[in-house]
Amino acid sequence: MQAIREIKNLSKEEKLRVMEAIWEDLSREDEGIESPQWHDKALQETERKFSSGEDEMVDWQTAKKQLRSRFE
């Protein structure tokens, strides 16, 4: 696809602008997009763990550190 090759040649700032434009366009049509069934199940499981005290809320900085440490 020609557009992908062109995107690879953009600067980081230009790529972010393109990404924001795509996201804005997609978000206008959110009524037609259904979440997959696994997503609802994952949200229910997260709520169950949080309500039971099995999981706790953490701030975004802590969450990023935890995720990075899992995948490094």
C-alpha atoms as a PDB file:
ATOM      1  CA  MET A   1       0.000   0.000   0.000  1.00  0.00           C
ATOM      2  CA  GLN A   2       1.465   3.341  -1.091  1.00  0.00           C
ATOM      3  CA  ALA A   3       0.116   5.287   1.913  1.00  0.00           C
ATOM      4  CA  ILE A   4       2.047   3.114   4.381  1.00  0.00           C
ATOM      5  CA  ARG A   5       5.302   3.749   2.539  1.00  0.00           C
ATOM      6  CA  GLU A   6       4.570   7.475   2.610  1.00  0.00           C
ATOM      7  CA  ILE A   7       3.801   7.403   6.346  1.00  0.00           C
ATOM      8  CA  LYS A   8       7.158   5.758   7.054  1.00  0.00           C
ATOM      9  CA  ASN A   9       8.867   8.803   5.547  1.00  0.00           C
ATOM     10  CA  LEU A  10       7.047  11.320   7.763  1.00  0.00           C
ATOM     11  CA  SER A  11       8.595  12.955  10.810  1.00  0.00           C
ATOM     12  CA  LYS A  12       7.362  11.930  14.243  1.00  0.00           C
ATOM     13  CA  GLU A  13       5.344  15.159  14.507  1.00  0.00           C
ATOM     14  CA  GLU A  14       3.711  14.555  11.109  1.00  0.00           C
ATOM     15  CA  LYS A  15       2.906  10.949  12.049  1.00  0.00           C
ATOM     16  CA  LEU A  16       1.216  12.136  15.249  1.00  0.00           C
ATOM     17  CA  ARG A  17      -0.889  14.635  13.292  1.00  0.00           C
ATOM     18  CA  VAL A  18      -1.966  11.894  10.860  1.00  0.00           C
ATOM     19  CA  MET A  19      -2.769   9.560  13.776  1.00  0.00           C
ATOM     20  CA  GLU A  20      -4.853  12.250  15.491  1.00  0.00           C
ATOM     21  CA  ALA A  21      -6.753  12.930  12.270  1.00  0.00           C
ATOM     22  CA  ILE A  22      -7.487   9.233  11.799  1.00  0.00           C
ATOM     23  CA  TRP A  23      -8.598   8.865  15.431  1.00  0.00           C
ATOM     24  CA  GLU A  24     -10.858  11.912  15.151  1.00  0.00           C
ATOM     25  CA  ASP A  25     -12.435  10.504  12.005  1.00  0.00           C
ATOM     26  CA  LEU A  26     -12.970   7.061  13.560  1.00  0.00           C
ATOM     27  CA  SER A  27     -14.396   8.462  16.789  1.00  0.00           C
ATOM     28  CA  ARG A  28     -17.204  10.206  14.881  1.00  0.00           C
ATOM     29  CA  GLU A  29     -18.520   6.805  13.841  1.00  0.00           C
ATOM     30  CA  ASP A  30     -18.413   5.040  17.214  1.00  0.00           C
ATOM     31  CA  GLU A  31     -22.101   4.046  17.130  1.00  0.00           C
ATOM     32  CA  GLY A  32     -21.393   1.569  14.335  1.00  0.00           C
ATOM     33  CA  ILE A  33     -18.502  -0.105  16.116  1.00  0.00           C
ATOM     34  CA  GLU A  34     -19.313  -2.906  18.517  1.00  0.00           C
ATOM     35  CA  SER A  35     -16.870  -3.979  21.183  1.00  0.00           C
ATOM     36  CA  PRO A  36     -15.839  -7.601  20.834  1.00  0.00           C
ATOM     37  CA  GLN A  37     -17.408 -10.068  23.264  1.00  0.00           C
ATOM     38  CA  TRP A  38     -14.052 -10.744  24.956  1.00  0.00           C
ATOM     39  CA  HIS A  39     -13.822  -7.050  25.860  1.00  0.00           C
ATOM     40  CA  ASP A  40     -17.029  -7.149  27.908  1.00  0.00           C
ATOM     41  CA  LYS A  41     -15.814 -10.302  29.673  1.00  0.00           C
ATOM     42  CA  ALA A  42     -12.451  -8.666  30.437  1.00  0.00           C
ATOM     43  CA  LEU A  43     -14.180  -5.596  31.886  1.00  0.00           C
ATOM     44  CA  GLN A  44     -16.428  -7.781  34.050  1.00  0.00           C
ATOM     45  CA  GLU A  45     -13.413  -9.735  35.328  1.00  0.00           C
ATOM     46  CA  THR A  46     -11.568  -6.509  36.134  1.00  0.00           C
ATOM     47  CA  GLU A  47     -14.599  -5.185  38.024  1.00  0.00           C
ATOM     48  CA  ARG A  48     -14.910  -8.463  39.936  1.00  0.00           C
ATOM     49  CA  LYS A  49     -11.229  -8.410  40.957  1.00  0.00           C
ATOM     50  CA  PHE A  50     -11.397  -4.763  41.977  1.00  0.00           C
ATOM     51  CA  SER A  51     -14.624  -5.214  43.975  1.00  0.00           C
ATOM     52  CA  SER A  52     -13.229  -8.250  45.804  1.00  0.00           C
ATOM     53  CA  GLY A  53      -9.977  -6.482  46.667  1.00  0.00           C
ATOM     54  CA  GLU A  54      -7.973  -8.886  44.517  1.00  0.00           C
ATOM     55  CA  ASP A  55      -6.801  -5.941  42.364  1.00  0.00           C
ATOM     56  CA  GLU A  56      -6.243  -2.332  43.288  1.00  0.00           C
ATOM     57  CA  MET A  57      -6.125   0.919  41.396  1.00  0.00           C
ATOM     58  CA  VAL A  58      -2.716   2.382  40.610  1.00  0.00           C
ATOM     59  CA  ASP A  59      -1.735   5.675  39.024  1.00  0.00           C
ATOM     60  CA  TRP A  60      -0.736   5.738  35.376  1.00  0.00           C
ATOM     61  CA  GLN A  61       3.005   6.136  36.041  1.00  0.00           C
ATOM     62  CA  THR A  62       3.019   3.048  38.277  1.00  0.00           C
ATOM     63  CA  ALA A  63       0.944   1.091  35.758  1.00  0.00           C
ATOM     64  CA  LYS A  64       3.398   1.928  32.949  1.00  0.00           C
ATOM     65  CA  LYS A  65       6.357   0.778  35.072  1.00  0.00           C
ATOM     66  CA  GLN A  66       4.590  -2.476  35.950  1.00  0.00           C
ATOM     67  CA  LEU A  67       3.694  -3.182  32.330  1.00  0.00           C
ATOM     68  CA  ARG A  68       7.188  -2.393  31.088  1.00  0.00           C
ATOM     69  CA  SER A  69       8.744  -4.703  33.657  1.00  0.00           C
ATOM     70  CA  ARG A  70       6.466  -7.553  32.503  1.00  0.00           C
ATOM     71  CA  PHE A  71       7.544  -7.259  28.883  1.00  0.00           C
ATOM     72  CA  GLU A  72      11.236  -6.474  29.202  1.00  0.00           C
END
